[in-house]
Amino acid sequence: MADQRLQSIALPEGAPLPNPYAEADRAQAVADLLAGNSFDPTGLPPGPYALHLEIRDGRLVFDIHDTAEAPLRAIALALGPFRRLIKDYHLVVASHEQAVTEGGSEARIQAIDMGRRGLHNEGADLLCQRLDGRVALDFETARRLFTLVCALHQRI
């Protein structure tokens, strides 16, 4: 299973994220994913893999390539099931950023962060369900991929 992992992640070269906090969140998710992940696409030769993650035609696309960038498989998921979670995630992130910027109490910041972790967990569960039978993921990989999904779709 050691080879069943992501070696690189490519995101679209679109508009920058709305603020440095969101940019840092995305960069941290990519760094954490590359440091450790479990990504095992069903029926593909052993990895490692390069993942091109994007929103295309209103769908979330996992475009899986080998390390030489030859395409292996594209998996498109409807965004509908993710919409509420993504919207809530963006609201919680904005609340967290506001609390930190305004010097909110530690208890308030921790409460917001707990809500964010809960949304990450729910998003990871949904991502695992939607990819079931196509890509096996561990929970931490799914959580980090959910962060990237949210970064890709800033406005739902």
C-alpha atoms as a PDB file:
ATOM      1  CA  MET A   1       0.000   0.000   0.000  1.00  0.00           C
ATOM      2  CA  ALA A   2       3.031   2.313   0.307  1.00  0.00           C
ATOM      3  CA  ASP A   3       2.851   3.115  -3.420  1.00  0.00           C
ATOM      4  CA  GLN A   4      -0.878   3.841  -3.314  1.00  0.00           C
ATOM      5  CA  ARG A   5      -0.459   7.505  -2.610  1.00  0.00           C
ATOM      6  CA  LEU A   6      -0.439  10.982  -4.060  1.00  0.00           C
ATOM      7  CA  GLN A   7       2.955  12.314  -5.021  1.00  0.00           C
ATOM      8  CA  SER A   8       1.719  15.633  -6.402  1.00  0.00           C
ATOM      9  CA  ILE A   9      -1.424  17.737  -6.431  1.00  0.00           C
ATOM     10  CA  ALA A  10      -2.280  20.272  -9.108  1.00  0.00           C
ATOM     11  CA  LEU A  11      -4.973  22.880  -8.650  1.00  0.00           C
ATOM     12  CA  PRO A  12      -6.261  25.185 -11.391  1.00  0.00           C
ATOM     13  CA  GLU A  13      -4.312  28.339 -12.102  1.00  0.00           C
ATOM     14  CA  GLY A  14      -7.379  30.504 -11.583  1.00  0.00           C
ATOM     15  CA  ALA A  15      -8.036  33.588  -9.562  1.00  0.00           C
ATOM     16  CA  PRO A  16      -6.266  33.776  -6.226  1.00  0.00           C
ATOM     17  CA  LEU A  17      -8.175  32.977  -3.081  1.00  0.00           C
ATOM     18  CA  PRO A  18      -9.996  35.908  -1.488  1.00  0.00           C
ATOM     19  CA  ASN A  19      -7.503  36.467   1.339  1.00  0.00           C
ATOM     20  CA  PRO A  20      -4.158  35.323   2.731  1.00  0.00           C
ATOM     21  CA  TYR A  21      -5.893  33.165   5.381  1.00  0.00           C
ATOM     22  CA  ALA A  22      -7.651  31.086   2.686  1.00  0.00           C
ATOM     23  CA  GLU A  23      -4.431  30.877   0.678  1.00  0.00           C
ATOM     24  CA  ALA A  24      -2.534  29.615   3.735  1.00  0.00           C
ATOM     25  CA  ASP A  25      -5.300  27.076   4.456  1.00  0.00           C
ATOM     26  CA  ARG A  26      -5.012  25.678   0.927  1.00  0.00           C
ATOM     27  CA  ALA A  27      -1.197  25.614   1.010  1.00  0.00           C
ATOM     28  CA  GLN A  28      -1.227  23.807   4.367  1.00  0.00           C
ATOM     29  CA  ALA A  29      -3.714  21.202   3.087  1.00  0.00           C
ATOM     30  CA  VAL A  30      -1.497  20.490   0.058  1.00  0.00           C
ATOM     31  CA  ALA A  31       1.645  20.261   2.208  1.00  0.00           C
ATOM     32  CA  ASP A  32      -0.076  17.935   4.690  1.00  0.00           C
ATOM     33  CA  LEU A  33      -1.401  15.740   1.878  1.00  0.00           C
ATOM     34  CA  LEU A  34       2.004  15.395   0.289  1.00  0.00           C
ATOM     35  CA  ALA A  35       3.595  14.622   3.660  1.00  0.00           C
ATOM     36  CA  GLY A  36       1.275  11.671   4.206  1.00  0.00           C
ATOM     37  CA  ASN A  37      -1.768  10.274   2.458  1.00  0.00           C
ATOM     38  CA  SER A  38      -3.510   7.102   1.412  1.00  0.00           C
ATOM     39  CA  PHE A  39      -5.011   7.270  -2.078  1.00  0.00           C
ATOM     40  CA  ASP A  40      -5.810   3.975  -3.798  1.00  0.00           C
ATOM     41  CA  PRO A  41      -7.810   4.202  -7.048  1.00  0.00           C
ATOM     42  CA  THR A  42      -9.609   0.949  -7.803  1.00  0.00           C
ATOM     43  CA  GLY A  43      -8.335  -0.887 -10.861  1.00  0.00           C
ATOM     44  CA  LEU A  44      -5.308   1.296 -11.548  1.00  0.00           C
ATOM     45  CA  PRO A  45      -1.687   0.173 -11.544  1.00  0.00           C
ATOM     46  CA  PRO A  46       0.192   0.875  -8.314  1.00  0.00           C
ATOM     47  CA  GLY A  47       1.034   4.529  -7.723  1.00  0.00           C
ATOM     48  CA  PRO A  48       2.281   6.955  -6.783  1.00  0.00           C
ATOM     49  CA  TYR A  49      -0.136   9.305  -8.536  1.00  0.00           C
ATOM     50  CA  ALA A  50      -0.445  12.933  -9.552  1.00  0.00           C
ATOM     51  CA  LEU A  51      -3.883  14.383  -8.827  1.00  0.00           C
ATOM     52  CA  HIS A  52      -5.356  17.278 -10.775  1.00  0.00           C
ATOM     53  CA  LEU A  53      -8.280  18.530  -8.721  1.00  0.00           C
ATOM     54  CA  GLU A  54     -10.703  21.021 -10.239  1.00  0.00           C
ATOM     55  CA  ILE A  55     -14.276  22.162 -10.661  1.00  0.00           C
ATOM     56  CA  ARG A  56     -15.331  21.557 -14.258  1.00  0.00           C
ATOM     57  CA  ASP A  57     -18.835  22.072 -15.641  1.00  0.00           C
ATOM     58  CA  GLY A  58     -20.259  22.247 -12.134  1.00  0.00           C
ATOM     59  CA  ARG A  59     -18.656  18.979 -11.082  1.00  0.00           C
ATOM     60  CA  LEU A  60     -15.761  18.123  -8.810  1.00  0.00           C
ATOM     61  CA  VAL A  61     -13.168  16.343 -10.975  1.00  0.00           C
ATOM     62  CA  PHE A  62     -10.420  14.073  -9.660  1.00  0.00           C
ATOM     63  CA  ASP A  63      -8.173  13.734 -12.706  1.00  0.00           C
ATOM     64  CA  ILE A  64      -5.679  11.008 -11.776  1.00  0.00           C
ATOM     65  CA  HIS A  65      -2.356  10.814 -13.623  1.00  0.00           C
ATOM     66  CA  ASP A  66       0.775   8.745 -13.216  1.00  0.00           C
ATOM     67  CA  THR A  67       3.969  10.504 -12.128  1.00  0.00           C
ATOM     68  CA  ALA A  68       4.928  11.084 -15.779  1.00  0.00           C
ATOM     69  CA  GLU A  69       1.616  13.022 -16.068  1.00  0.00           C
ATOM     70  CA  ALA A  70      -0.036  10.451 -18.330  1.00  0.00           C
ATOM     71  CA  PRO A  71      -3.792  10.472 -17.612  1.00  0.00           C
ATOM     72  CA  LEU A  72      -5.101   7.322 -15.936  1.00  0.00           C
ATOM     73  CA  ARG A  73      -8.698   8.113 -14.952  1.00  0.00           C
ATOM     74  CA  ALA A  74     -10.976  11.077 -14.317  1.00  0.00           C
ATOM     75  CA  ILE A  75     -13.690  10.821 -11.691  1.00  0.00           C
ATOM     76  CA  ALA A  76     -16.394  13.488 -11.695  1.00  0.00           C
ATOM     77  CA  LEU A  77     -18.654  13.996  -8.684  1.00  0.00           C
ATOM     78  CA  ALA A  78     -21.769  16.136  -8.504  1.00  0.00           C
ATOM     79  CA  LEU A  79     -21.237  19.134  -6.225  1.00  0.00           C
ATOM     80  CA  GLY A  80     -24.836  19.132  -4.959  1.00  0.00           C
ATOM     81  CA  PRO A  81     -24.221  16.870  -1.957  1.00  0.00           C
ATOM     82  CA  PHE A  82     -21.280  19.065  -0.898  1.00  0.00           C
ATOM     83  CA  ARG A  83     -22.960  22.473  -1.233  1.00  0.00           C
ATOM     84  CA  ARG A  84     -24.266  22.867   2.323  1.00  0.00           C
ATOM     85  CA  LEU A  85     -20.997  21.674   3.849  1.00  0.00           C
ATOM     86  CA  ILE A  86     -18.897  23.981   1.667  1.00  0.00           C
ATOM     87  CA  LYS A  87     -21.115  26.965   2.440  1.00  0.00           C
ATOM     88  CA  ASP A  88     -21.014  26.230   6.174  1.00  0.00           C
ATOM     89  CA  TYR A  89     -17.249  25.692   6.026  1.00  0.00           C
ATOM     90  CA  HIS A  90     -16.715  29.111   4.443  1.00  0.00           C
ATOM     91  CA  LEU A  91     -18.921  30.751   7.091  1.00  0.00           C
ATOM     92  CA  VAL A  92     -16.971  29.086   9.910  1.00  0.00           C
ATOM     93  CA  VAL A  93     -13.611  30.007   8.362  1.00  0.00           C
ATOM     94  CA  ALA A  94     -14.759  33.634   8.022  1.00  0.00           C
ATOM     95  CA  SER A  95     -15.899  33.622  11.673  1.00  0.00           C
ATOM     96  CA  HIS A  96     -12.565  32.164  12.754  1.00  0.00           C
ATOM     97  CA  GLU A  97     -10.610  34.739  10.784  1.00  0.00           C
ATOM     98  CA  GLN A  98     -12.746  37.555  12.207  1.00  0.00           C
ATOM     99  CA  ALA A  99     -12.321  36.293  15.777  1.00  0.00           C
ATOM    100  CA  VAL A 100      -8.542  36.064  15.374  1.00  0.00           C
ATOM    101  CA  THR A 101      -8.287  39.477  13.701  1.00  0.00           C
ATOM    102  CA  GLU A 102     -10.440  41.161  16.337  1.00  0.00           C
ATOM    103  CA  GLY A 103      -8.571  39.517  19.187  1.00  0.00           C
ATOM    104  CA  GLY A 104     -11.488  37.354  20.280  1.00  0.00           C
ATOM    105  CA  SER A 105     -11.308  35.272  23.408  1.00  0.00           C
ATOM    106  CA  GLU A 106      -9.441  31.993  23.305  1.00  0.00           C
ATOM    107  CA  ALA A 107     -12.666  30.155  24.228  1.00  0.00           C
ATOM    108  CA  ARG A 108     -14.519  31.697  21.260  1.00  0.00           C
ATOM    109  CA  ILE A 109     -11.715  30.831  18.846  1.00  0.00           C
ATOM    110  CA  GLN A 110     -11.561  27.253  20.154  1.00  0.00           C
ATOM    111  CA  ALA A 111     -15.348  26.867  19.809  1.00  0.00           C
ATOM    112  CA  ILE A 112     -15.216  28.062  16.213  1.00  0.00           C
ATOM    113  CA  ASP A 113     -12.283  25.739  15.530  1.00  0.00           C
ATOM    114  CA  MET A 114     -14.242  22.796  16.946  1.00  0.00           C
ATOM    115  CA  GLY A 115     -17.080  23.630  14.549  1.00  0.00           C
ATOM    116  CA  ARG A 116     -14.605  23.731  11.700  1.00  0.00           C
ATOM    117  CA  ARG A 117     -13.202  20.326  12.657  1.00  0.00           C
ATOM    118  CA  GLY A 118     -16.746  18.944  12.758  1.00  0.00           C
ATOM    119  CA  LEU A 119     -17.398  20.198   9.230  1.00  0.00           C
ATOM    120  CA  HIS A 120     -14.083  18.719   8.090  1.00  0.00           C
ATOM    121  CA  ASN A 121     -15.126  15.365   9.521  1.00  0.00           C
ATOM    122  CA  GLU A 122     -18.544  15.533   7.863  1.00  0.00           C
ATOM    123  CA  GLY A 123     -16.961  16.559   4.553  1.00  0.00           C
ATOM    124  CA  ALA A 124     -14.424  13.735   4.798  1.00  0.00           C
ATOM    125  CA  ASP A 125     -17.190  11.210   5.453  1.00  0.00           C
ATOM    126  CA  LEU A 126     -19.148  12.465   2.444  1.00  0.00           C
ATOM    127  CA  LEU A 127     -16.071  12.402   0.225  1.00  0.00           C
ATOM    128  CA  CYS A 128     -15.314   8.809   1.262  1.00  0.00           C
ATOM    129  CA  GLN A 129     -18.927   7.822   0.526  1.00  0.00           C
ATOM    130  CA  ARG A 130     -18.959   9.537  -2.879  1.00  0.00           C
ATOM    131  CA  LEU A 131     -15.639   7.932  -3.881  1.00  0.00           C
ATOM    132  CA  ASP A 132     -16.537   4.506  -2.471  1.00  0.00           C
ATOM    133  CA  GLY A 133     -15.686   1.771  -4.969  1.00  0.00           C
ATOM    134  CA  ARG A 134     -13.585   4.165  -7.042  1.00  0.00           C
ATOM    135  CA  VAL A 135     -10.865   5.431  -4.682  1.00  0.00           C
ATOM    136  CA  ALA A 136     -10.011   4.159  -1.214  1.00  0.00           C
ATOM    137  CA  LEU A 137      -8.962   6.994   1.100  1.00  0.00           C
ATOM    138  CA  ASP A 138      -8.002   7.148   4.725  1.00  0.00           C
ATOM    139  CA  PHE A 139      -9.876   9.660   6.864  1.00  0.00           C
ATOM    140  CA  GLU A 140      -7.040  12.216   7.130  1.00  0.00           C
ATOM    141  CA  THR A 141      -6.541  12.209   3.358  1.00  0.00           C
ATOM    142  CA  ALA A 142     -10.272  12.778   2.887  1.00  0.00           C
ATOM    143  CA  ARG A 143     -10.241  15.670   5.398  1.00  0.00           C
ATOM    144  CA  ARG A 144      -7.402  17.396   3.579  1.00  0.00           C
ATOM    145  CA  LEU A 145      -8.991  16.836   0.180  1.00  0.00           C
ATOM    146  CA  PHE A 146     -12.207  18.373   1.537  1.00  0.00           C
ATOM    147  CA  THR A 147     -10.221  21.500   2.451  1.00  0.00           C
ATOM    148  CA  LEU A 148      -9.047  21.699  -1.169  1.00  0.00           C
ATOM    149  CA  VAL A 149     -12.592  21.163  -2.465  1.00  0.00           C
ATOM    150  CA  CYS A 150     -13.691  24.127  -0.340  1.00  0.00           C
ATOM    151  CA  ALA A 151     -10.777  26.209  -1.625  1.00  0.00           C
ATOM    152  CA  LEU A 152     -11.712  25.394  -5.215  1.00  0.00           C
ATOM    153  CA  HIS A 153     -15.298  26.427  -4.747  1.00  0.00           C
ATOM    154  CA  GLN A 154     -15.118  29.732  -2.905  1.00  0.00           C
ATOM    155  CA  ARG A 155     -18.701  30.738  -3.632  1.00  0.00           C
ATOM    156  CA  ILE A 156     -21.568  28.297  -3.586  1.00  0.00           C
END
